[in-house]
Amino acid sequence: MRPIPVDLLHAQQQWHATYRQLAVHPRTALRQQLIRLSAEVLFHPYWQGRRTGPWAALHGARHGRSAT
């Protein structure tokens, strides 16, 4: 398994932080940031050719597991 690139890991961490902020402070700017980060994670080159996608990684990271 290839290691997750630093920029993808950073985007996933930002996604989770933004999601938590949005839950407390529902703001348009946070929704827009979450959409941008979602696209950044979803369409990252790391996922090309993999059977498991980015949503599995986000779900696994959210629950303390890594996707394989």
C-alpha atoms as a PDB file:
ATOM      1  CA  MET A   1       0.000   0.000   0.000  1.00  0.00           C
ATOM      2  CA  ARG A   2       1.308   3.414  -0.943  1.00  0.00           C
ATOM      3  CA  PRO A   3       1.662   5.975   1.842  1.00  0.00           C
ATOM      4  CA  ILE A   4      -0.903   8.765   1.796  1.00  0.00           C
ATOM      5  CA  PRO A   5       0.638  11.976   0.383  1.00  0.00           C
ATOM      6  CA  VAL A   6       1.081  14.826   2.832  1.00  0.00           C
ATOM      7  CA  ASP A   7      -1.157  17.196   0.859  1.00  0.00           C
ATOM      8  CA  LEU A   8      -3.996  14.653   0.846  1.00  0.00           C
ATOM      9  CA  LEU A   9      -3.590  13.980   4.548  1.00  0.00           C
ATOM     10  CA  HIS A  10      -3.627  17.721   5.232  1.00  0.00           C
ATOM     11  CA  ALA A  11      -6.796  18.166   3.133  1.00  0.00           C
ATOM     12  CA  GLN A  12      -8.513  15.336   5.027  1.00  0.00           C
ATOM     13  CA  GLN A  13      -7.565  16.894   8.359  1.00  0.00           C
ATOM     14  CA  GLN A  14      -8.858  20.276   7.201  1.00  0.00           C
ATOM     15  CA  TRP A  15     -12.069  18.600   6.000  1.00  0.00           C
ATOM     16  CA  HIS A  16     -12.712  17.110   9.462  1.00  0.00           C
ATOM     17  CA  ALA A  17     -11.889  20.379  11.233  1.00  0.00           C
ATOM     18  CA  THR A  18     -14.191  22.337   8.917  1.00  0.00           C
ATOM     19  CA  TYR A  19     -16.972  19.788   9.376  1.00  0.00           C
ATOM     20  CA  ARG A  20     -16.714  20.138  13.164  1.00  0.00           C
ATOM     21  CA  GLN A  21     -16.768  23.956  12.885  1.00  0.00           C
ATOM     22  CA  LEU A  22     -19.764  23.828  10.572  1.00  0.00           C
ATOM     23  CA  ALA A  23     -21.696  21.733  13.089  1.00  0.00           C
ATOM     24  CA  VAL A  24     -21.247  24.460  15.708  1.00  0.00           C
ATOM     25  CA  HIS A  25     -21.377  27.555  13.467  1.00  0.00           C
ATOM     26  CA  PRO A  26     -23.408  26.947  10.298  1.00  0.00           C
ATOM     27  CA  ARG A  27     -21.966  29.532   7.918  1.00  0.00           C
ATOM     28  CA  THR A  28     -21.922  29.800   4.143  1.00  0.00           C
ATOM     29  CA  ALA A  29     -18.141  30.275   4.078  1.00  0.00           C
ATOM     30  CA  LEU A  30     -17.641  27.024   6.001  1.00  0.00           C
ATOM     31  CA  ARG A  31     -20.019  25.145   3.672  1.00  0.00           C
ATOM     32  CA  GLN A  32     -18.102  26.453   0.674  1.00  0.00           C
ATOM     33  CA  GLN A  33     -14.795  25.456   2.247  1.00  0.00           C
ATOM     34  CA  LEU A  34     -16.149  21.967   2.976  1.00  0.00           C
ATOM     35  CA  ILE A  35     -17.254  21.600  -0.657  1.00  0.00           C
ATOM     36  CA  ARG A  36     -13.827  22.729  -1.904  1.00  0.00           C
ATOM     37  CA  LEU A  37     -12.036  20.331   0.447  1.00  0.00           C
ATOM     38  CA  SER A  38     -14.373  17.488  -0.508  1.00  0.00           C
ATOM     39  CA  ALA A  39     -13.482  17.970  -4.164  1.00  0.00           C
ATOM     40  CA  GLU A  40      -9.781  18.220  -3.319  1.00  0.00           C
ATOM     41  CA  VAL A  41      -9.904  14.911  -1.436  1.00  0.00           C
ATOM     42  CA  LEU A  42     -12.222  13.135  -3.878  1.00  0.00           C
ATOM     43  CA  PHE A  43     -10.261  14.029  -7.023  1.00  0.00           C
ATOM     44  CA  HIS A  44      -6.734  13.744  -5.621  1.00  0.00           C
ATOM     45  CA  PRO A  45      -4.407  11.789  -7.955  1.00  0.00           C
ATOM     46  CA  TYR A  46      -3.671   9.337  -5.124  1.00  0.00           C
ATOM     47  CA  TRP A  47      -7.049   7.668  -5.726  1.00  0.00           C
ATOM     48  CA  GLN A  48      -6.426   6.896  -9.396  1.00  0.00           C
ATOM     49  CA  GLY A  49      -6.281   3.155  -9.916  1.00  0.00           C
ATOM     50  CA  ARG A  50      -7.371   2.253  -6.377  1.00  0.00           C
ATOM     51  CA  ARG A  51     -10.318   0.017  -5.602  1.00  0.00           C
ATOM     52  CA  THR A  52     -11.195   1.876  -2.413  1.00  0.00           C
ATOM     53  CA  GLY A  53     -12.098   5.494  -2.803  1.00  0.00           C
ATOM     54  CA  PRO A  54     -11.617   8.622  -0.750  1.00  0.00           C
ATOM     55  CA  TRP A  55     -14.970   8.309   1.020  1.00  0.00           C
ATOM     56  CA  ALA A  56     -13.833   5.003   2.505  1.00  0.00           C
ATOM     57  CA  ALA A  57     -10.716   6.772   3.769  1.00  0.00           C
ATOM     58  CA  LEU A  58     -12.724   9.649   5.217  1.00  0.00           C
ATOM     59  CA  HIS A  59     -15.112   7.219   6.894  1.00  0.00           C
ATOM     60  CA  GLY A  60     -12.235   5.115   8.228  1.00  0.00           C
ATOM     61  CA  ALA A  61     -10.309   8.128   9.493  1.00  0.00           C
ATOM     62  CA  ARG A  62     -13.420   9.432  11.208  1.00  0.00           C
ATOM     63  CA  HIS A  63     -13.720   6.142  13.081  1.00  0.00           C
ATOM     64  CA  GLY A  64     -10.041   5.675  13.856  1.00  0.00           C
ATOM     65  CA  ARG A  65      -9.364   3.140  11.105  1.00  0.00           C
ATOM     66  CA  SER A  66      -7.333   3.287   7.924  1.00  0.00           C
ATOM     67  CA  ALA A  67      -8.802   2.298   4.580  1.00  0.00           C
ATOM     68  CA  THR A  68      -6.986  -0.356   2.550  1.00  0.00           C
END
